[in-house]
C-alpha atoms as a PDB file:
ATOM      1  CA  MET A   1     -11.613  14.557  -7.164  1.00  0.00           C
ATOM      2  CA  LYS A   2      -8.262  14.219  -8.902  1.00  0.00           C
ATOM      3  CA  ILE A   3      -5.882  11.401  -7.940  1.00  0.00           C
ATOM      4  CA  GLY A   4      -2.251  11.317  -9.056  1.00  0.00           C
ATOM      5  CA  VAL A   5      -1.006   7.774  -9.743  1.00  0.00           C
ATOM      6  CA  ILE A   6       2.770   7.933  -9.551  1.00  0.00           C
ATOM      7  CA  ASP A   7       4.360   6.409 -12.637  1.00  0.00           C
ATOM      8  CA  TYR A   8       7.946   5.371 -11.873  1.00  0.00           C
ATOM      9  CA  GLY A   9       7.997   2.342 -14.159  1.00  0.00           C
ATOM     10  CA  MET A  10       7.222  -0.291 -11.494  1.00  0.00           C
ATOM     11  CA  GLY A  11       3.438  -0.445 -11.244  1.00  0.00           C
ATOM     12  CA  ASN A  12       0.460  -2.297 -12.650  1.00  0.00           C
ATOM     13  CA  LEU A  13      -1.183   1.020 -13.415  1.00  0.00           C
ATOM     14  CA  PHE A  14      -4.140   0.054 -15.595  1.00  0.00           C
ATOM     15  CA  SER A  15      -6.200  -1.879 -13.030  1.00  0.00           C
ATOM     16  CA  VAL A  16      -5.916   0.697 -10.259  1.00  0.00           C
ATOM     17  CA  GLU A  17      -6.540   3.539 -12.734  1.00  0.00           C
ATOM     18  CA  GLN A  18      -9.749   1.875 -13.920  1.00  0.00           C
ATOM     19  CA  ALA A  19     -10.915   1.204 -10.350  1.00  0.00           C
ATOM     20  CA  LEU A  20     -10.456   4.863  -9.430  1.00  0.00           C
ATOM     21  CA  LYS A  21     -12.330   5.989 -12.534  1.00  0.00           C
ATOM     22  CA  ARG A  22     -15.240   3.714 -11.640  1.00  0.00           C
ATOM     23  CA  LEU A  23     -15.357   5.555  -8.314  1.00  0.00           C
ATOM     24  CA  ASP A  24     -15.796   8.845 -10.215  1.00  0.00           C
ATOM     25  CA  CYS A  25     -12.225  10.071  -9.816  1.00  0.00           C
ATOM     26  CA  GLU A  26     -10.250  11.995 -12.379  1.00  0.00           C
ATOM     27  CA  VAL A  27      -6.976  10.084 -12.672  1.00  0.00           C
ATOM     28  CA  VAL A  28      -3.615  11.293 -13.933  1.00  0.00           C
ATOM     29  CA  VAL A  29      -0.811   8.749 -14.338  1.00  0.00           C
ATOM     30  CA  THR A  30       2.431  10.676 -14.363  1.00  0.00           C
ATOM     31  CA  ALA A  31       5.922  11.277 -13.016  1.00  0.00           C
ATOM     32  CA  ASP A  32       5.613  15.044 -13.591  1.00  0.00           C
ATOM     33  CA  GLU A  33       5.790  16.761 -10.204  1.00  0.00           C
ATOM     34  CA  SER A  34       3.931  19.863 -11.383  1.00  0.00           C
ATOM     35  CA  VAL A  35       1.028  17.681 -12.525  1.00  0.00           C
ATOM     36  CA  LEU A  36       1.093  15.710  -9.261  1.00  0.00           C
ATOM     37  CA  ASP A  37       1.017  18.994  -7.321  1.00  0.00           C
ATOM     38  CA  ALA A  38      -2.394  19.752  -8.833  1.00  0.00           C
ATOM     39  CA  THR A  39      -3.995  16.544  -7.500  1.00  0.00           C
ATOM     40  CA  ASP A  40      -5.984  15.975  -4.318  1.00  0.00           C
ATOM     41  CA  ALA A  41      -4.126  12.803  -3.318  1.00  0.00           C
ATOM     42  CA  LEU A  42      -1.313  10.523  -4.449  1.00  0.00           C
ATOM     43  CA  LEU A  43      -1.257   6.780  -5.064  1.00  0.00           C
ATOM     44  CA  LEU A  44       1.982   4.781  -5.173  1.00  0.00           C
ATOM     45  CA  PRO A  45       1.531   1.392  -6.900  1.00  0.00           C
ATOM     46  CA  GLY A  46       4.226  -1.231  -7.217  1.00  0.00           C
ATOM     47  CA  VAL A  47       4.991  -4.576  -8.809  1.00  0.00           C
ATOM     48  CA  GLY A  48       8.435  -6.210  -8.786  1.00  0.00           C
ATOM     49  CA  ALA A  49      11.495  -6.153  -6.527  1.00  0.00           C
ATOM     50  CA  PHE A  50      12.027  -3.587  -3.767  1.00  0.00           C
ATOM     51  CA  PRO A  51      15.606  -2.553  -4.733  1.00  0.00           C
ATOM     52  CA  ASP A  52      14.609  -1.948  -8.363  1.00  0.00           C
ATOM     53  CA  ALA A  53      11.626   0.139  -7.297  1.00  0.00           C
ATOM     54  CA  ARG A  54      13.684   2.133  -4.803  1.00  0.00           C
ATOM     55  CA  LYS A  55      16.313   2.800  -7.488  1.00  0.00           C
ATOM     56  CA  ARG A  56      13.657   4.012  -9.927  1.00  0.00           C
ATOM     57  CA  LEU A  57      12.218   6.385  -7.321  1.00  0.00           C
ATOM     58  CA  ALA A  58      15.696   7.809  -6.729  1.00  0.00           C
ATOM     59  CA  GLU A  59      16.500   8.118 -10.443  1.00  0.00           C
ATOM     60  CA  THR A  60      13.286  10.042 -11.075  1.00  0.00           C
ATOM     61  CA  LYS A  61      13.695  12.056  -7.846  1.00  0.00           C
ATOM     62  CA  LEU A  62      10.193  10.963  -6.915  1.00  0.00           C
ATOM     63  CA  ASP A  63      11.520   9.744  -3.561  1.00  0.00           C
ATOM     64  CA  ARG A  64      12.269  13.361  -2.639  1.00  0.00           C
ATOM     65  CA  TYR A  65       8.883  14.409  -3.952  1.00  0.00           C
ATOM     66  CA  LEU A  66       7.172  11.821  -1.748  1.00  0.00           C
ATOM     67  CA  GLN A  67       9.152  13.006   1.287  1.00  0.00           C
ATOM     68  CA  LYS A  68       7.957  16.525   0.562  1.00  0.00           C
ATOM     69  CA  ALA A  69       4.354  15.362   0.115  1.00  0.00           C
ATOM     70  CA  GLN A  70       4.484  13.501   3.430  1.00  0.00           C
ATOM     71  CA  SER A  71       5.898  16.546   5.238  1.00  0.00           C
ATOM     72  CA  GLU A  72       2.987  18.595   3.832  1.00  0.00           C
ATOM     73  CA  ASN A  73       0.457  15.986   5.060  1.00  0.00           C
ATOM     74  CA  ARG A  74      -0.825  15.252   1.560  1.00  0.00           C
ATOM     75  CA  PRO A  75      -2.917  12.053   1.368  1.00  0.00           C
ATOM     76  CA  LEU A  76      -0.834   9.152   0.026  1.00  0.00           C
ATOM     77  CA  LEU A  77      -1.837   5.537  -0.527  1.00  0.00           C
ATOM     78  CA  GLY A  78       0.756   2.821  -1.217  1.00  0.00           C
ATOM     79  CA  ILE A  79      -0.476  -0.484  -2.683  1.00  0.00           C
ATOM     80  CA  CYS A  80       1.391  -3.837  -2.539  1.00  0.00           C
ATOM     81  CA  LEU A  81       5.083  -3.064  -3.235  1.00  0.00           C
ATOM     82  CA  GLY A  82       4.045   0.591  -3.015  1.00  0.00           C
ATOM     83  CA  MET A  83       3.126  -0.030   0.636  1.00  0.00           C
ATOM     84  CA  GLN A  84       6.390  -1.870   1.342  1.00  0.00           C
ATOM     85  CA  LEU A  85       8.409   1.075   0.004  1.00  0.00           C
ATOM     86  CA  LEU A  86       6.903   3.213   2.772  1.00  0.00           C
ATOM     87  CA  PHE A  87       8.750   1.231   5.484  1.00  0.00           C
ATOM     88  CA  GLU A  88      12.279   1.753   6.762  1.00  0.00           C
ATOM     89  CA  GLN A  89      14.104  -1.106   5.036  1.00  0.00           C
ATOM     90  CA  SER A  90      13.688  -4.307   3.017  1.00  0.00           C
ATOM     91  CA  GLU A  91      15.805  -7.467   2.900  1.00  0.00           C
ATOM     92  CA  GLU A  92      14.569  -8.401  -0.596  1.00  0.00           C
ATOM     93  CA  VAL A  93      17.582  -9.317  -2.820  1.00  0.00           C
ATOM     94  CA  THR A  94      19.857  -6.999  -0.816  1.00  0.00           C
ATOM     95  CA  PRO A  95      19.269  -4.743   2.226  1.00  0.00           C
ATOM     96  CA  THR A  96      17.729  -1.523   0.865  1.00  0.00           C
ATOM     97  CA  GLN A  97      16.518   1.603   2.623  1.00  0.00           C
ATOM     98  CA  GLY A  98      12.865   2.503   2.190  1.00  0.00           C
ATOM     99  CA  LEU A  99      11.127   5.858   2.553  1.00  0.00           C
ATOM    100  CA  GLY A 100      10.676   5.452   6.317  1.00  0.00           C
ATOM    101  CA  PHE A 101       7.117   6.718   6.640  1.00  0.00           C
ATOM    102  CA  PHE A 102       6.309   3.637   8.738  1.00  0.00           C
ATOM    103  CA  LYS A 103       8.367   1.899  11.410  1.00  0.00           C
ATOM    104  CA  GLY A 104       9.454  -1.649  10.581  1.00  0.00           C
ATOM    105  CA  HIS A 105      11.132  -3.572   7.807  1.00  0.00           C
ATOM    106  CA  ILE A 106      10.204  -5.938   5.015  1.00  0.00           C
ATOM    107  CA  GLN A 107      11.225  -9.593   5.184  1.00  0.00           C
ATOM    108  CA  ARG A 108      10.507 -12.740   3.184  1.00  0.00           C
ATOM    109  CA  PHE A 109       8.093 -15.417   4.282  1.00  0.00           C
ATOM    110  CA  SER A 110      10.305 -18.288   5.454  1.00  0.00           C
ATOM    111  CA  GLY A 111       7.976 -21.025   4.211  1.00  0.00           C
ATOM    112  CA  ILE A 112       8.201 -22.776   7.599  1.00  0.00           C
ATOM    113  CA  GLU A 113       6.166 -22.034  10.725  1.00  0.00           C
ATOM    114  CA  GLY A 114       7.011 -24.360  13.615  1.00  0.00           C
ATOM    115  CA  ASP A 115       7.320 -27.769  11.957  1.00  0.00           C
ATOM    116  CA  GLN A 116       4.829 -26.960   9.195  1.00  0.00           C
ATOM    117  CA  ALA A 117       5.710 -25.875   5.667  1.00  0.00           C
ATOM    118  CA  TYR A 118       3.497 -23.348   3.902  1.00  0.00           C
ATOM    119  CA  ARG A 119       3.299 -21.898   0.415  1.00  0.00           C
ATOM    120  CA  VAL A 120       5.307 -18.870  -0.651  1.00  0.00           C
ATOM    121  CA  PRO A 121       4.171 -16.563  -2.145  1.00  0.00           C
ATOM    122  CA  HIS A 122       1.156 -15.747  -0.020  1.00  0.00           C
ATOM    123  CA  MET A 123      -1.373 -15.783  -2.837  1.00  0.00           C
ATOM    124  CA  GLY A 124      -5.153 -15.800  -2.705  1.00  0.00           C
ATOM    125  CA  TRP A 125      -8.061 -14.616  -0.595  1.00  0.00           C
ATOM    126  CA  ASN A 126      -7.555 -14.006   3.113  1.00  0.00           C
ATOM    127  CA  GLU A 127      -9.792 -12.615   5.830  1.00  0.00           C
ATOM    128  CA  LEU A 128      -8.876  -9.079   6.848  1.00  0.00           C
ATOM    129  CA  ILE A 129      -9.016  -8.602  10.630  1.00  0.00           C
ATOM    130  CA  LEU A 130      -9.564  -5.030  11.822  1.00  0.00           C
ATOM    131  CA  THR A 131      -7.550  -3.863  14.846  1.00  0.00           C
ATOM    132  CA  ASN A 132      -7.849  -0.058  14.680  1.00  0.00           C
ATOM    133  CA  ARG A 133     -10.271   2.176  12.835  1.00  0.00           C
ATOM    134  CA  PRO A 134      -8.741   5.290  11.235  1.00  0.00           C
ATOM    135  CA  ALA A 135     -10.807   8.415  10.689  1.00  0.00           C
ATOM    136  CA  TRP A 136     -11.348   7.593   6.996  1.00  0.00           C
ATOM    137  CA  LEU A 137     -12.817   4.132   7.651  1.00  0.00           C
ATOM    138  CA  ASP A 138     -16.502   4.296   8.490  1.00  0.00           C
ATOM    139  CA  GLY A 139     -19.426   1.877   8.405  1.00  0.00           C
ATOM    140  CA  GLU A 140     -19.515  -1.884   7.974  1.00  0.00           C
ATOM    141  CA  VAL A 141     -19.439  -4.251   5.017  1.00  0.00           C
ATOM    142  CA  SER A 142     -20.459  -7.893   4.885  1.00  0.00           C
ATOM    143  CA  ALA A 143     -17.445  -9.034   2.843  1.00  0.00           C
ATOM    144  CA  LYS A 144     -14.389 -10.021   4.896  1.00  0.00           C
ATOM    145  CA  HIS A 145     -11.767 -11.191   2.373  1.00  0.00           C
ATOM    146  CA  VAL A 146      -9.211  -9.434   0.155  1.00  0.00           C
ATOM    147  CA  TYR A 147      -6.729 -10.707  -2.422  1.00  0.00           C
ATOM    148  CA  PHE A 148      -2.999 -10.969  -1.636  1.00  0.00           C
ATOM    149  CA  VAL A 149      -0.062 -11.766  -3.927  1.00  0.00           C
ATOM    150  CA  HIS A 150       3.320 -11.279  -2.227  1.00  0.00           C
ATOM    151  CA  SER A 151       6.405 -13.076  -0.907  1.00  0.00           C
ATOM    152  CA  PHE A 152       7.544 -10.332   1.496  1.00  0.00           C
ATOM    153  CA  TYR A 153       5.706  -8.669   4.374  1.00  0.00           C
ATOM    154  CA  ALA A 154       6.167  -5.943   6.989  1.00  0.00           C
ATOM    155  CA  THR A 155       7.543  -6.924  10.414  1.00  0.00           C
ATOM    156  CA  HIS A 156       8.523  -5.129  13.652  1.00  0.00           C
ATOM    157  CA  ILE A 157       5.884  -2.504  12.970  1.00  0.00           C
ATOM    158  CA  GLN A 158       4.285  -0.020  15.350  1.00  0.00           C
ATOM    159  CA  GLU A 159       1.035  -1.564  16.580  1.00  0.00           C
ATOM    160  CA  SER A 160      -0.504   1.910  16.685  1.00  0.00           C
ATOM    161  CA  GLU A 161       0.012   2.141  12.907  1.00  0.00           C
ATOM    162  CA  LEU A 162      -1.692  -1.196  12.177  1.00  0.00           C
ATOM    163  CA  VAL A 163      -5.276  -0.955  10.933  1.00  0.00           C
ATOM    164  CA  ALA A 164      -5.879  -4.549   9.787  1.00  0.00           C
ATOM    165  CA  TYR A 165      -4.006  -7.800   9.285  1.00  0.00           C
ATOM    166  CA  ALA A 166      -4.418 -11.255   7.776  1.00  0.00           C
ATOM    167  CA  ASP A 167      -3.517 -14.487   9.546  1.00  0.00           C
ATOM    168  CA  TYR A 168      -1.461 -16.535   7.088  1.00  0.00           C
ATOM    169  CA  CYS A 169      -0.383 -19.883   8.535  1.00  0.00           C
ATOM    170  CA  GLY A 170      -0.039 -18.319  11.991  1.00  0.00           C
ATOM    171  CA  ILE A 171       1.804 -15.232  10.736  1.00  0.00           C
ATOM    172  CA  LYS A 172       0.251 -11.843  11.409  1.00  0.00           C
ATOM    173  CA  VAL A 173       0.574 -10.156   8.016  1.00  0.00           C
ATOM    174  CA  PRO A 174      -0.082  -6.379   8.060  1.00  0.00           C
ATOM    175  CA  GLY A 175      -2.811  -5.661   5.510  1.00  0.00           C
ATOM    176  CA  ILE A 176      -3.513  -1.974   6.148  1.00  0.00           C
ATOM    177  CA  VAL A 177      -1.293   0.539   7.940  1.00  0.00           C
ATOM    178  CA  THR A 178      -1.740   4.243   8.486  1.00  0.00           C
ATOM    179  CA  ASN A 179       0.343   7.093   9.886  1.00  0.00           C
ATOM    180  CA  GLY A 180      -1.063  10.588   9.595  1.00  0.00           C
ATOM    181  CA  SER A 181      -1.862  11.264   5.947  1.00  0.00           C
ATOM    182  CA  VAL A 182      -0.076   8.115   4.715  1.00  0.00           C
ATOM    183  CA  THR A 183      -1.857   4.782   4.229  1.00  0.00           C
ATOM    184  CA  GLY A 184      -0.607   1.438   2.939  1.00  0.00           C
ATOM    185  CA  MET A 185      -2.513  -1.614   1.676  1.00  0.00           C
ATOM    186  CA  GLN A 186      -0.530  -4.819   1.148  1.00  0.00           C
ATOM    187  CA  PHE A 187      -3.316  -6.434  -0.887  1.00  0.00           C
ATOM    188  CA  HIS A 188      -4.727  -5.152  -4.183  1.00  0.00           C
ATOM    189  CA  PRO A 189      -7.992  -3.312  -3.354  1.00  0.00           C
ATOM    190  CA  GLU A 190      -8.856  -3.029  -7.042  1.00  0.00           C
ATOM    191  CA  LYS A 191      -8.753  -6.847  -7.322  1.00  0.00           C
ATOM    192  CA  SER A 192     -10.377  -7.630  -3.965  1.00  0.00           C
ATOM    193  CA  GLY A 193     -14.050  -7.584  -4.833  1.00  0.00           C
ATOM    194  CA  GLU A 194     -16.616  -5.899  -2.597  1.00  0.00           C
ATOM    195  CA  LEU A 195     -14.356  -5.273   0.396  1.00  0.00           C
ATOM    196  CA  GLY A 196     -11.443  -3.984  -1.681  1.00  0.00           C
ATOM    197  CA  ILE A 197     -13.571  -1.451  -3.526  1.00  0.00           C
ATOM    198  CA  TYR A 198     -15.273  -0.439  -0.275  1.00  0.00           C
ATOM    199  CA  LEU A 199     -11.903   0.260   1.362  1.00  0.00           C
ATOM    200  CA  LEU A 200     -10.696   2.245  -1.654  1.00  0.00           C
ATOM    201  CA  GLU A 201     -13.946   4.216  -1.652  1.00  0.00           C
ATOM    202  CA  GLN A 202     -13.647   4.914   2.082  1.00  0.00           C
ATOM    203  CA  TRP A 203     -10.089   6.154   1.634  1.00  0.00           C
ATOM    204  CA  LEU A 204     -11.262   8.497  -1.135  1.00  0.00           C
ATOM    205  CA  LYS A 205     -14.054   9.832   1.113  1.00  0.00           C
ATOM    206  CA  GLY A 206     -11.410  10.527   3.738  1.00  0.00           C
ATOM    207  CA  VAL A 207      -9.387  12.462   1.170  1.00  0.00           C
ATOM    208  CA  LYS A 208     -12.455  14.468   0.202  1.00  0.00           C
ATOM    209  CA  ALA A 209     -13.200  15.248   3.854  1.00  0.00           C
ATOM    210  CA  CYS A 210      -9.704  16.671   4.250  1.00  0.00           C
END
């Protein structure tokens, strides 16, 4: 299976590339649309600020490519900032339009819930709570925790698109979302031990089944 990791200058590409290779995938890291067209699925990574990432996607015209891929029902996985870019809008730095594959917008953790302060960013291991089971997710695994590092999260989402969430200081943080052929993971599956690799492997099996 060949996976196209989209290189738009805003991703921690090495770790996810190595994780995919350990799962017996052929991986191409590129911004070349003709090369991406020859892959079985696309992966959108992301590290940094939403407006910068959105600008880079526009400058490289990869935003239009992703819109085309989504309209053709090609499998796409967004990780961390890559997931956030799939929503309608973000308030990070300045209000910025996203790709709109998922309903909802991205906002910053306030650091206060009720009269209790909590740490921002949300960083560390959190239990992932499953709410819906998409077609690509099969079987059970004993591990329950994945690794998050982020200061912004998706809100006002469609509950039907939510697969799993983490409870962070009373806040329901979307961890996995899915809509048709598009999936997002807020955490880093390649850094999330047994459960993270299991989820990545299950997604790949879903791609293969398609």
